[in-house]
């Protein structure tokens, strides 16, 4: 009787293979979360969680004198969309009309809310329109929302979320600084004023949170309109959201910028890890560019 052939012993995976598999699994998990919901940038400092009945929702959505009522209505409509409420489409015409609202806060919330129904072509068209909005946070929320549609039209806006932001003089005059280099600021912080006269001061506000990386104009400098005043390193929330969006729509030319994030010791470890995951996913999606 012949002796049976011994079965081959499987080769254990190398540490590199295990690390690669672990990274791939993490990327897939992050993608799954992104496909459900990206938490957008208007949310900080607001809470509109109280449910509204239909009558109250209609009242709030029409209350143009109270932007917070309209914001509350929009968040409740987003909640109903996530719950697959078929009746919610009846509110869509009123929602879409808000694209023309003169209130920046409403357009910021709207750009977030329109990402809730990525099956609506009308919503996608509205978001494309909001990509040209004069308000920075409107454009960023619109760009992030478009990712849920599989639309990378906001790619360049998202890339800017990883770059420093430059503050410009709104008018000509004498610059009066109110913050110090290295100081962390919230969105809406007055970083200085431009003095056009003894009682004519124009505030210079940062539209986003971040850290004052460099003052480009000094106290008492005479500045022209649109002169460079300060450079702001982006806040970690904007970097985080930008990286998660680039995980899905990133391009090989984004890699040097993303790699700078991985080396930025001023950012939390979780943000730097997200940058590594995003870079790995871009390389896997574009192997021909390796």
C-alpha atoms as a PDB file:
ATOM      1  CA  UNK A   1       0.000   0.000   0.000  1.00  0.00           C
ATOM      2  CA  UNK A   2       1.394   3.400  -1.021  1.00  0.00           C
ATOM      3  CA  UNK A   3       2.082   6.047   1.552  1.00  0.00           C
ATOM      4  CA  UNK A   4      -0.218   9.080   1.143  1.00  0.00           C
ATOM      5  CA  UNK A   5       1.392  12.296   0.058  1.00  0.00           C
ATOM      6  CA  UNK A   6       1.726  14.754   2.943  1.00  0.00           C
ATOM      7  CA  UNK A   7      -0.457  17.830   2.632  1.00  0.00           C
ATOM      8  CA  UNK A   8       1.470  21.030   2.034  1.00  0.00           C
ATOM      9  CA  UNK A   9       1.862  23.244   5.050  1.00  0.00           C
ATOM     10  CA  UNK A  10       0.318  26.663   4.328  1.00  0.00           C
ATOM     11  CA  UNK A  11       2.774  29.516   4.359  1.00  0.00           C
ATOM     12  CA  UNK A  12       1.917  31.974   7.125  1.00  0.00           C
ATOM     13  CA  UNK A  13       1.158  35.459   5.849  1.00  0.00           C
ATOM     14  CA  UNK A  14       3.983  37.951   6.208  1.00  0.00           C
ATOM     15  CA  UNK A  15       3.652  40.915   8.526  1.00  0.00           C
ATOM     16  CA  UNK A  16       3.412  43.159   5.470  1.00  0.00           C
ATOM     17  CA  UNK A  17       0.518  41.106   4.084  1.00  0.00           C
ATOM     18  CA  UNK A  18      -1.257  41.221   7.433  1.00  0.00           C
ATOM     19  CA  UNK A  19      -0.788  44.983   7.695  1.00  0.00           C
ATOM     20  CA  UNK A  20      -2.045  45.449   4.126  1.00  0.00           C
ATOM     21  CA  UNK A  21      -5.133  43.322   4.841  1.00  0.00           C
ATOM     22  CA  UNK A  22      -5.811  45.254   8.044  1.00  0.00           C
ATOM     23  CA  UNK A  23      -5.571  48.591   6.220  1.00  0.00           C
ATOM     24  CA  UNK A  24      -7.900  47.333   3.480  1.00  0.00           C
ATOM     25  CA  UNK A  25     -10.476  46.209   6.048  1.00  0.00           C
ATOM     26  CA  UNK A  26     -10.297  49.587   7.790  1.00  0.00           C
ATOM     27  CA  UNK A  27     -10.752  51.417   4.498  1.00  0.00           C
ATOM     28  CA  UNK A  28     -13.806  49.321   3.635  1.00  0.00           C
ATOM     29  CA  UNK A  29     -15.287  50.077   7.049  1.00  0.00           C
ATOM     30  CA  UNK A  30     -14.751  53.816   6.596  1.00  0.00           C
ATOM     31  CA  UNK A  31     -16.259  53.727   3.103  1.00  0.00           C
ATOM     32  CA  UNK A  32     -19.325  51.953   4.483  1.00  0.00           C
ATOM     33  CA  UNK A  33     -19.796  54.670   7.082  1.00  0.00           C
ATOM     34  CA  UNK A  34     -19.342  57.424   4.507  1.00  0.00           C
ATOM     35  CA  UNK A  35     -21.972  55.913   2.253  1.00  0.00           C
ATOM     36  CA  UNK A  36     -24.475  56.201   5.090  1.00  0.00           C
ATOM     37  CA  UNK A  37     -23.752  59.727   6.272  1.00  0.00           C
ATOM     38  CA  UNK A  38     -21.017  62.320   6.311  1.00  0.00           C
ATOM     39  CA  UNK A  39     -21.446  64.662   9.316  1.00  0.00           C
ATOM     40  CA  UNK A  40     -21.139  68.098   7.806  1.00  0.00           C
ATOM     41  CA  UNK A  41     -19.735  71.379   9.010  1.00  0.00           C
ATOM     42  CA  UNK A  42     -22.707  73.512   9.989  1.00  0.00           C
ATOM     43  CA  UNK A  43     -23.589  71.294  12.932  1.00  0.00           C
ATOM     44  CA  UNK A  44     -21.307  72.724  15.596  1.00  0.00           C
ATOM     45  CA  UNK A  45     -23.137  74.883  18.116  1.00  0.00           C
ATOM     46  CA  UNK A  46     -26.601  73.919  16.877  1.00  0.00           C
ATOM     47  CA  UNK A  47     -29.147  71.332  17.863  1.00  0.00           C
ATOM     48  CA  UNK A  48     -32.463  70.920  16.131  1.00  0.00           C
ATOM     49  CA  UNK A  49     -33.348  67.454  17.319  1.00  0.00           C
ATOM     50  CA  UNK A  50     -36.870  68.159  18.590  1.00  0.00           C
ATOM     51  CA  UNK A  51     -39.323  66.396  16.228  1.00  0.00           C
ATOM     52  CA  UNK A  52     -41.806  68.611  14.383  1.00  0.00           C
ATOM     53  CA  UNK A  53     -45.325  67.584  13.436  1.00  0.00           C
ATOM     54  CA  UNK A  54     -46.355  68.298   9.832  1.00  0.00           C
ATOM     55  CA  UNK A  55     -48.209  71.500  10.706  1.00  0.00           C
ATOM     56  CA  UNK A  56     -45.298  72.845  12.728  1.00  0.00           C
ATOM     57  CA  UNK A  57     -42.823  71.774  10.068  1.00  0.00           C
ATOM     58  CA  UNK A  58     -44.743  73.732   7.431  1.00  0.00           C
ATOM     59  CA  UNK A  59     -44.828  76.770   9.718  1.00  0.00           C
ATOM     60  CA  UNK A  60     -41.101  76.600  10.463  1.00  0.00           C
ATOM     61  CA  UNK A  61     -40.094  76.053   6.846  1.00  0.00           C
ATOM     62  CA  UNK A  62     -42.018  79.181   5.783  1.00  0.00           C
ATOM     63  CA  UNK A  63     -40.732  81.389   8.625  1.00  0.00           C
ATOM     64  CA  UNK A  64     -38.206  83.475   6.688  1.00  0.00           C
ATOM     65  CA  UNK A  65     -38.039  85.991   9.558  1.00  0.00           C
ATOM     66  CA  UNK A  66     -36.520  83.351  11.835  1.00  0.00           C
ATOM     67  CA  UNK A  67     -33.636  81.507  10.130  1.00  0.00           C
ATOM     68  CA  UNK A  68     -33.267  79.094  13.043  1.00  0.00           C
ATOM     69  CA  UNK A  69     -36.843  77.891  12.510  1.00  0.00           C
ATOM     70  CA  UNK A  70     -36.028  77.155   8.870  1.00  0.00           C
ATOM     71  CA  UNK A  71     -32.806  75.384   9.889  1.00  0.00           C
ATOM     72  CA  UNK A  72     -34.793  73.281  12.368  1.00  0.00           C
ATOM     73  CA  UNK A  73     -37.249  72.337   9.633  1.00  0.00           C
ATOM     74  CA  UNK A  74     -34.426  71.368   7.264  1.00  0.00           C
ATOM     75  CA  UNK A  75     -32.797  69.083   9.809  1.00  0.00           C
ATOM     76  CA  UNK A  76     -36.136  67.403  10.490  1.00  0.00           C
ATOM     77  CA  UNK A  77     -36.674  66.853   6.763  1.00  0.00           C
ATOM     78  CA  UNK A  78     -33.189  65.290   6.579  1.00  0.00           C
ATOM     79  CA  UNK A  79     -34.152  62.986   9.460  1.00  0.00           C
ATOM     80  CA  UNK A  80     -37.326  61.917   7.645  1.00  0.00           C
ATOM     81  CA  UNK A  81     -35.335  61.236   4.474  1.00  0.00           C
ATOM     82  CA  UNK A  82     -32.943  59.002   6.410  1.00  0.00           C
ATOM     83  CA  UNK A  83     -35.984  57.150   7.791  1.00  0.00           C
ATOM     84  CA  UNK A  84     -37.267  56.573   4.227  1.00  0.00           C
ATOM     85  CA  UNK A  85     -40.473  58.544   4.809  1.00  0.00           C
ATOM     86  CA  UNK A  86     -42.144  58.582   1.357  1.00  0.00           C
ATOM     87  CA  UNK A  87     -44.209  61.685   2.190  1.00  0.00           C
ATOM     88  CA  UNK A  88     -41.142  63.864   2.703  1.00  0.00           C
ATOM     89  CA  UNK A  89     -40.779  64.552  -1.039  1.00  0.00           C
ATOM     90  CA  UNK A  90     -43.780  66.863  -0.730  1.00  0.00           C
ATOM     91  CA  UNK A  91     -41.496  69.388   0.986  1.00  0.00           C
ATOM     92  CA  UNK A  92     -38.852  69.329  -1.742  1.00  0.00           C
ATOM     93  CA  UNK A  93     -40.098  72.345  -3.768  1.00  0.00           C
ATOM     94  CA  UNK A  94     -39.921  74.584  -0.675  1.00  0.00           C
ATOM     95  CA  UNK A  95     -36.512  73.191   0.215  1.00  0.00           C
ATOM     96  CA  UNK A  96     -35.092  73.845  -3.247  1.00  0.00           C
ATOM     97  CA  UNK A  97     -36.382  77.427  -3.202  1.00  0.00           C
ATOM     98  CA  UNK A  98     -33.980  78.144  -0.323  1.00  0.00           C
ATOM     99  CA  UNK A  99     -31.021  78.010  -2.720  1.00  0.00           C
ATOM    100  CA  UNK A 100     -31.804  81.685  -3.394  1.00  0.00           C
ATOM    101  CA  UNK A 101     -32.040  82.619   0.298  1.00  0.00           C
ATOM    102  CA  UNK A 102     -30.062  85.771   1.248  1.00  0.00           C
ATOM    103  CA  UNK A 103     -29.287  84.212   4.663  1.00  0.00           C
ATOM    104  CA  UNK A 104     -25.872  82.463   4.661  1.00  0.00           C
ATOM    105  CA  UNK A 105     -26.838  80.323   7.678  1.00  0.00           C
ATOM    106  CA  UNK A 106     -29.766  78.859   5.768  1.00  0.00           C
ATOM    107  CA  UNK A 107     -27.670  78.072   2.717  1.00  0.00           C
ATOM    108  CA  UNK A 108     -25.014  76.420   4.922  1.00  0.00           C
ATOM    109  CA  UNK A 109     -27.664  74.153   6.464  1.00  0.00           C
ATOM    110  CA  UNK A 110     -29.317  73.582   3.098  1.00  0.00           C
ATOM    111  CA  UNK A 111     -26.045  72.454   1.510  1.00  0.00           C
ATOM    112  CA  UNK A 112     -25.713  69.873   4.281  1.00  0.00           C
ATOM    113  CA  UNK A 113     -29.352  68.735   4.115  1.00  0.00           C
ATOM    114  CA  UNK A 114     -29.385  68.237   0.321  1.00  0.00           C
ATOM    115  CA  UNK A 115     -26.928  65.370   0.721  1.00  0.00           C
ATOM    116  CA  UNK A 116     -29.576  63.342   2.552  1.00  0.00           C
ATOM    117  CA  UNK A 117     -31.325  62.162  -0.622  1.00  0.00           C
ATOM    118  CA  UNK A 118     -28.645  61.111  -3.080  1.00  0.00           C
ATOM    119  CA  UNK A 119     -31.319  59.780  -5.428  1.00  0.00           C
ATOM    120  CA  UNK A 120     -32.730  63.231  -6.172  1.00  0.00           C
ATOM    121  CA  UNK A 121     -31.360  64.797  -9.342  1.00  0.00           C
ATOM    122  CA  UNK A 122     -32.964  68.107  -8.312  1.00  0.00           C
ATOM    123  CA  UNK A 123     -30.933  68.044  -5.098  1.00  0.00           C
ATOM    124  CA  UNK A 124     -27.736  67.327  -7.014  1.00  0.00           C
ATOM    125  CA  UNK A 125     -28.384  70.230  -9.387  1.00  0.00           C
ATOM    126  CA  UNK A 126     -29.006  72.530  -6.419  1.00  0.00           C
ATOM    127  CA  UNK A 127     -25.718  71.438  -4.846  1.00  0.00           C
ATOM    128  CA  UNK A 128     -23.856  72.173  -8.075  1.00  0.00           C
ATOM    129  CA  UNK A 129     -25.324  75.673  -7.934  1.00  0.00           C
ATOM    130  CA  UNK A 130     -24.220  76.066  -4.300  1.00  0.00           C
ATOM    131  CA  UNK A 131     -20.638  75.190  -5.256  1.00  0.00           C
ATOM    132  CA  UNK A 132     -20.421  78.765  -6.599  1.00  0.00           C
ATOM    133  CA  UNK A 133     -21.848  80.357  -3.442  1.00  0.00           C
ATOM    134  CA  UNK A 134     -19.924  83.368  -2.068  1.00  0.00           C
ATOM    135  CA  UNK A 135     -20.001  81.827   1.450  1.00  0.00           C
ATOM    136  CA  UNK A 136     -17.106  79.441   2.129  1.00  0.00           C
ATOM    137  CA  UNK A 137     -19.013  77.016   4.381  1.00  0.00           C
ATOM    138  CA  UNK A 138     -21.825  76.751   1.839  1.00  0.00           C
ATOM    139  CA  UNK A 139     -19.342  75.697  -0.822  1.00  0.00           C
ATOM    140  CA  UNK A 140     -17.645  73.189   1.467  1.00  0.00           C
ATOM    141  CA  UNK A 141     -20.893  71.589   2.602  1.00  0.00           C
ATOM    142  CA  UNK A 142     -22.085  71.421  -1.004  1.00  0.00           C
ATOM    143  CA  UNK A 143     -18.842  69.748  -2.075  1.00  0.00           C
ATOM    144  CA  UNK A 144     -19.093  67.184   0.741  1.00  0.00           C
ATOM    145  CA  UNK A 145     -22.762  66.494   0.013  1.00  0.00           C
ATOM    146  CA  UNK A 146     -22.003  65.850  -3.649  1.00  0.00           C
ATOM    147  CA  UNK A 147     -19.697  63.009  -2.592  1.00  0.00           C
ATOM    148  CA  UNK A 148     -22.810  61.105  -1.504  1.00  0.00           C
ATOM    149  CA  UNK A 149     -24.054  61.332  -5.099  1.00  0.00           C
ATOM    150  CA  UNK A 150     -20.797  59.871  -6.399  1.00  0.00           C
ATOM    151  CA  UNK A 151     -20.139  63.336  -7.862  1.00  0.00           C
ATOM    152  CA  UNK A 152     -16.609  64.733  -7.554  1.00  0.00           C
ATOM    153  CA  UNK A 153     -17.479  68.213  -8.856  1.00  0.00           C
ATOM    154  CA  UNK A 154     -16.475  69.662  -5.497  1.00  0.00           C
ATOM    155  CA  UNK A 155     -13.065  67.989  -5.482  1.00  0.00           C
ATOM    156  CA  UNK A 156     -11.048  71.222  -5.586  1.00  0.00           C
ATOM    157  CA  UNK A 157     -13.139  72.751  -2.796  1.00  0.00           C
ATOM    158  CA  UNK A 158     -12.519  69.672  -0.651  1.00  0.00           C
ATOM    159  CA  UNK A 159      -8.778  69.788  -1.322  1.00  0.00           C
ATOM    160  CA  UNK A 160      -8.775  73.377  -0.006  1.00  0.00           C
ATOM    161  CA  UNK A 161     -10.008  72.024   3.345  1.00  0.00           C
ATOM    162  CA  UNK A 162      -6.518  70.583   3.878  1.00  0.00           C
ATOM    163  CA  UNK A 163      -4.698  73.805   2.971  1.00  0.00           C
ATOM    164  CA  UNK A 164      -4.104  76.982   4.993  1.00  0.00           C
ATOM    165  CA  UNK A 165      -6.717  79.700   4.532  1.00  0.00           C
ATOM    166  CA  UNK A 166      -5.634  83.271   3.790  1.00  0.00           C
ATOM    167  CA  UNK A 167      -7.592  86.176   5.285  1.00  0.00           C
ATOM    168  CA  UNK A 168      -7.808  89.328   3.164  1.00  0.00           C
ATOM    169  CA  UNK A 169      -8.481  92.933   4.073  1.00  0.00           C
ATOM    170  CA  UNK A 170     -12.167  93.700   3.362  1.00  0.00           C
ATOM    171  CA  UNK A 171     -11.377  97.397   2.836  1.00  0.00           C
ATOM    172  CA  UNK A 172      -8.346  99.699   2.718  1.00  0.00           C
ATOM    173  CA  UNK A 173      -7.148 101.287   5.950  1.00  0.00           C
ATOM    174  CA  UNK A 174      -5.007 100.694   9.033  1.00  0.00           C
ATOM    175  CA  UNK A 175      -4.812  97.143  10.374  1.00  0.00           C
ATOM    176  CA  UNK A 176      -5.472  96.579  14.083  1.00  0.00           C
ATOM    177  CA  UNK A 177      -4.682  93.023  15.170  1.00  0.00           C
ATOM    178  CA  UNK A 178      -6.686  91.284  17.913  1.00  0.00           C
ATOM    179  CA  UNK A 179      -5.025  87.845  17.998  1.00  0.00           C
ATOM    180  CA  UNK A 180      -1.502  86.508  18.337  1.00  0.00           C
ATOM    181  CA  UNK A 181       0.384  84.170  16.066  1.00  0.00           C
ATOM    182  CA  UNK A 182      -0.154  80.546  17.120  1.00  0.00           C
ATOM    183  CA  UNK A 183      -3.556  81.277  18.663  1.00  0.00           C
ATOM    184  CA  UNK A 184      -6.416  78.837  17.979  1.00  0.00           C
ATOM    185  CA  UNK A 185      -9.665  80.464  16.866  1.00  0.00           C
ATOM    186  CA  UNK A 186     -13.218  79.377  16.151  1.00  0.00           C
ATOM    187  CA  UNK A 187     -15.208  80.198  13.028  1.00  0.00           C
ATOM    188  CA  UNK A 188     -16.547  83.744  13.221  1.00  0.00           C
ATOM    189  CA  UNK A 189     -13.685  84.999  15.440  1.00  0.00           C
ATOM    190  CA  UNK A 190     -12.645  88.616  14.830  1.00  0.00           C
ATOM    191  CA  UNK A 191      -8.901  88.363  14.218  1.00  0.00           C
ATOM    192  CA  UNK A 192      -8.530  92.097  13.662  1.00  0.00           C
ATOM    193  CA  UNK A 193     -10.070  95.267  12.328  1.00  0.00           C
ATOM    194  CA  UNK A 194      -9.320  97.638   9.488  1.00  0.00           C
ATOM    195  CA  UNK A 195      -9.642 101.251  10.566  1.00  0.00           C
ATOM    196  CA  UNK A 196     -10.868 103.629   7.883  1.00  0.00           C
ATOM    197  CA  UNK A 197     -11.373 106.466  10.346  1.00  0.00           C
ATOM    198  CA  UNK A 198     -11.529 107.188  14.106  1.00  0.00           C
ATOM    199  CA  UNK A 199     -14.983 105.606  14.386  1.00  0.00           C
ATOM    200  CA  UNK A 200     -15.048 103.579  11.184  1.00  0.00           C
ATOM    201  CA  UNK A 201     -13.786 100.044  11.950  1.00  0.00           C
ATOM    202  CA  UNK A 202     -14.452  96.997   9.755  1.00  0.00           C
ATOM    203  CA  UNK A 203     -14.135  93.579  11.402  1.00  0.00           C
ATOM    204  CA  UNK A 204     -11.973  90.870   9.845  1.00  0.00           C
ATOM    205  CA  UNK A 205     -13.574  87.526  10.767  1.00  0.00           C
ATOM    206  CA  UNK A 206     -12.340  84.041  10.031  1.00  0.00           C
ATOM    207  CA  UNK A 207     -15.069  81.930   8.390  1.00  0.00           C
ATOM    208  CA  UNK A 208     -13.539  78.678   9.650  1.00  0.00           C
ATOM    209  CA  UNK A 209     -11.837  77.385  12.795  1.00  0.00           C
ATOM    210  CA  UNK A 210      -8.082  76.950  12.823  1.00  0.00           C
ATOM    211  CA  UNK A 211      -4.764  78.152  14.187  1.00  0.00           C
ATOM    212  CA  UNK A 212      -3.246  81.495  13.260  1.00  0.00           C
ATOM    213  CA  UNK A 213      -0.179  80.244  11.419  1.00  0.00           C
ATOM    214  CA  UNK A 214       1.243  83.613  10.388  1.00  0.00           C
ATOM    215  CA  UNK A 215       0.310  87.287  10.608  1.00  0.00           C
ATOM    216  CA  UNK A 216       1.055  88.793   7.206  1.00  0.00           C
ATOM    217  CA  UNK A 217       0.243  92.345   8.312  1.00  0.00           C
ATOM    218  CA  UNK A 218       1.424  93.893  11.557  1.00  0.00           C
ATOM    219  CA  UNK A 219      -0.346  96.174  14.019  1.00  0.00           C
ATOM    220  CA  UNK A 220      -0.633  99.655  12.526  1.00  0.00           C
ATOM    221  CA  UNK A 221       0.217  98.652   8.940  1.00  0.00           C
ATOM    222  CA  UNK A 222      -1.557 100.505   6.158  1.00  0.00           C
ATOM    223  CA  UNK A 223      -3.244  97.890   3.970  1.00  0.00           C
ATOM    224  CA  UNK A 224      -5.021  97.985   0.634  1.00  0.00           C
ATOM    225  CA  UNK A 225      -8.330  96.288  -0.020  1.00  0.00           C
ATOM    226  CA  UNK A 226      -7.752  92.527  -0.483  1.00  0.00           C
ATOM    227  CA  UNK A 227      -4.262  92.760   1.042  1.00  0.00           C
ATOM    228  CA  UNK A 228      -3.021  89.598   2.769  1.00  0.00           C
ATOM    229  CA  UNK A 229      -3.575  89.863   6.515  1.00  0.00           C
ATOM    230  CA  UNK A 230      -3.079  86.402   8.017  1.00  0.00           C
ATOM    231  CA  UNK A 231      -2.736  82.730   7.165  1.00  0.00           C
ATOM    232  CA  UNK A 232      -4.816  80.228   9.117  1.00  0.00           C
ATOM    233  CA  UNK A 233      -3.914  76.544   9.439  1.00  0.00           C
ATOM    234  CA  UNK A 234      -7.170  74.566   8.985  1.00  0.00           C
ATOM    235  CA  UNK A 235      -8.973  73.182  12.015  1.00  0.00           C
ATOM    236  CA  UNK A 236      -8.912  69.438  12.605  1.00  0.00           C
ATOM    237  CA  UNK A 237     -12.640  68.963  11.836  1.00  0.00           C
ATOM    238  CA  UNK A 238     -12.258  70.426   8.352  1.00  0.00           C
ATOM    239  CA  UNK A 239      -9.126  68.365   7.707  1.00  0.00           C
ATOM    240  CA  UNK A 240     -10.893  65.229   8.955  1.00  0.00           C
ATOM    241  CA  UNK A 241     -13.964  65.732   6.759  1.00  0.00           C
ATOM    242  CA  UNK A 242     -11.816  66.595   3.750  1.00  0.00           C
ATOM    243  CA  UNK A 243      -9.756  63.426   4.180  1.00  0.00           C
ATOM    244  CA  UNK A 244     -12.832  61.223   4.501  1.00  0.00           C
ATOM    245  CA  UNK A 245     -14.271  62.687   1.314  1.00  0.00           C
ATOM    246  CA  UNK A 246     -10.980  62.247  -0.554  1.00  0.00           C
ATOM    247  CA  UNK A 247     -11.044  58.593   0.482  1.00  0.00           C
ATOM    248  CA  UNK A 248     -13.808  58.281  -2.138  1.00  0.00           C
ATOM    249  CA  UNK A 249     -12.924  60.941  -4.727  1.00  0.00           C
ATOM    250  CA  UNK A 250      -9.212  61.577  -4.141  1.00  0.00           C
ATOM    251  CA  UNK A 251      -6.762  61.726  -7.046  1.00  0.00           C
ATOM    252  CA  UNK A 252      -3.056  60.828  -7.228  1.00  0.00           C
ATOM    253  CA  UNK A 253      -2.134  64.508  -7.414  1.00  0.00           C
ATOM    254  CA  UNK A 254      -3.673  64.936  -3.937  1.00  0.00           C
ATOM    255  CA  UNK A 255      -1.133  62.585  -2.350  1.00  0.00           C
ATOM    256  CA  UNK A 256       1.626  65.127  -1.532  1.00  0.00           C
ATOM    257  CA  UNK A 257      -0.887  67.285   0.355  1.00  0.00           C
ATOM    258  CA  UNK A 258      -2.346  64.282   2.196  1.00  0.00           C
ATOM    259  CA  UNK A 259       1.146  63.050   3.104  1.00  0.00           C
ATOM    260  CA  UNK A 260       1.893  66.442   4.675  1.00  0.00           C
ATOM    261  CA  UNK A 261      -1.089  65.844   6.956  1.00  0.00           C
ATOM    262  CA  UNK A 262       0.392  62.493   8.079  1.00  0.00           C
ATOM    263  CA  UNK A 263       3.551  64.339   9.172  1.00  0.00           C
ATOM    264  CA  UNK A 264       1.768  67.212  10.925  1.00  0.00           C
ATOM    265  CA  UNK A 265       2.410  66.648  14.613  1.00  0.00           C
ATOM    266  CA  UNK A 266      -0.005  69.447  15.554  1.00  0.00           C
ATOM    267  CA  UNK A 267      -2.955  67.315  14.404  1.00  0.00           C
ATOM    268  CA  UNK A 268      -4.443  64.480  16.509  1.00  0.00           C
ATOM    269  CA  UNK A 269      -3.252  60.957  15.794  1.00  0.00           C
ATOM    270  CA  UNK A 270      -6.718  59.955  14.541  1.00  0.00           C
ATOM    271  CA  UNK A 271      -6.604  62.622  11.827  1.00  0.00           C
ATOM    272  CA  UNK A 272      -3.106  61.535  10.758  1.00  0.00           C
ATOM    273  CA  UNK A 273      -4.249  57.901  10.636  1.00  0.00           C
ATOM    274  CA  UNK A 274      -7.175  58.946   8.446  1.00  0.00           C
ATOM    275  CA  UNK A 275      -4.695  60.650   6.135  1.00  0.00           C
ATOM    276  CA  UNK A 276      -2.725  57.386   5.833  1.00  0.00           C
ATOM    277  CA  UNK A 277      -5.907  55.424   5.065  1.00  0.00           C
ATOM    278  CA  UNK A 278      -6.939  57.984   2.452  1.00  0.00           C
ATOM    279  CA  UNK A 279      -3.518  57.892   0.795  1.00  0.00           C
ATOM    280  CA  UNK A 280      -3.563  54.069   0.723  1.00  0.00           C
ATOM    281  CA  UNK A 281      -7.015  54.027  -0.857  1.00  0.00           C
ATOM    282  CA  UNK A 282      -6.007  56.515  -3.567  1.00  0.00           C
ATOM    283  CA  UNK A 283      -2.959  54.403  -4.418  1.00  0.00           C
ATOM    284  CA  UNK A 284      -5.102  51.252  -4.611  1.00  0.00           C
ATOM    285  CA  UNK A 285      -7.671  53.026  -6.797  1.00  0.00           C
ATOM    286  CA  UNK A 286      -5.003  54.342  -9.183  1.00  0.00           C
ATOM    287  CA  UNK A 287      -2.374  51.572  -9.412  1.00  0.00           C
ATOM    288  CA  UNK A 288      -1.353  52.805 -12.863  1.00  0.00           C
ATOM    289  CA  UNK A 289       0.019  55.993 -11.261  1.00  0.00           C
ATOM    290  CA  UNK A 290       2.287  54.149  -8.821  1.00  0.00           C
END
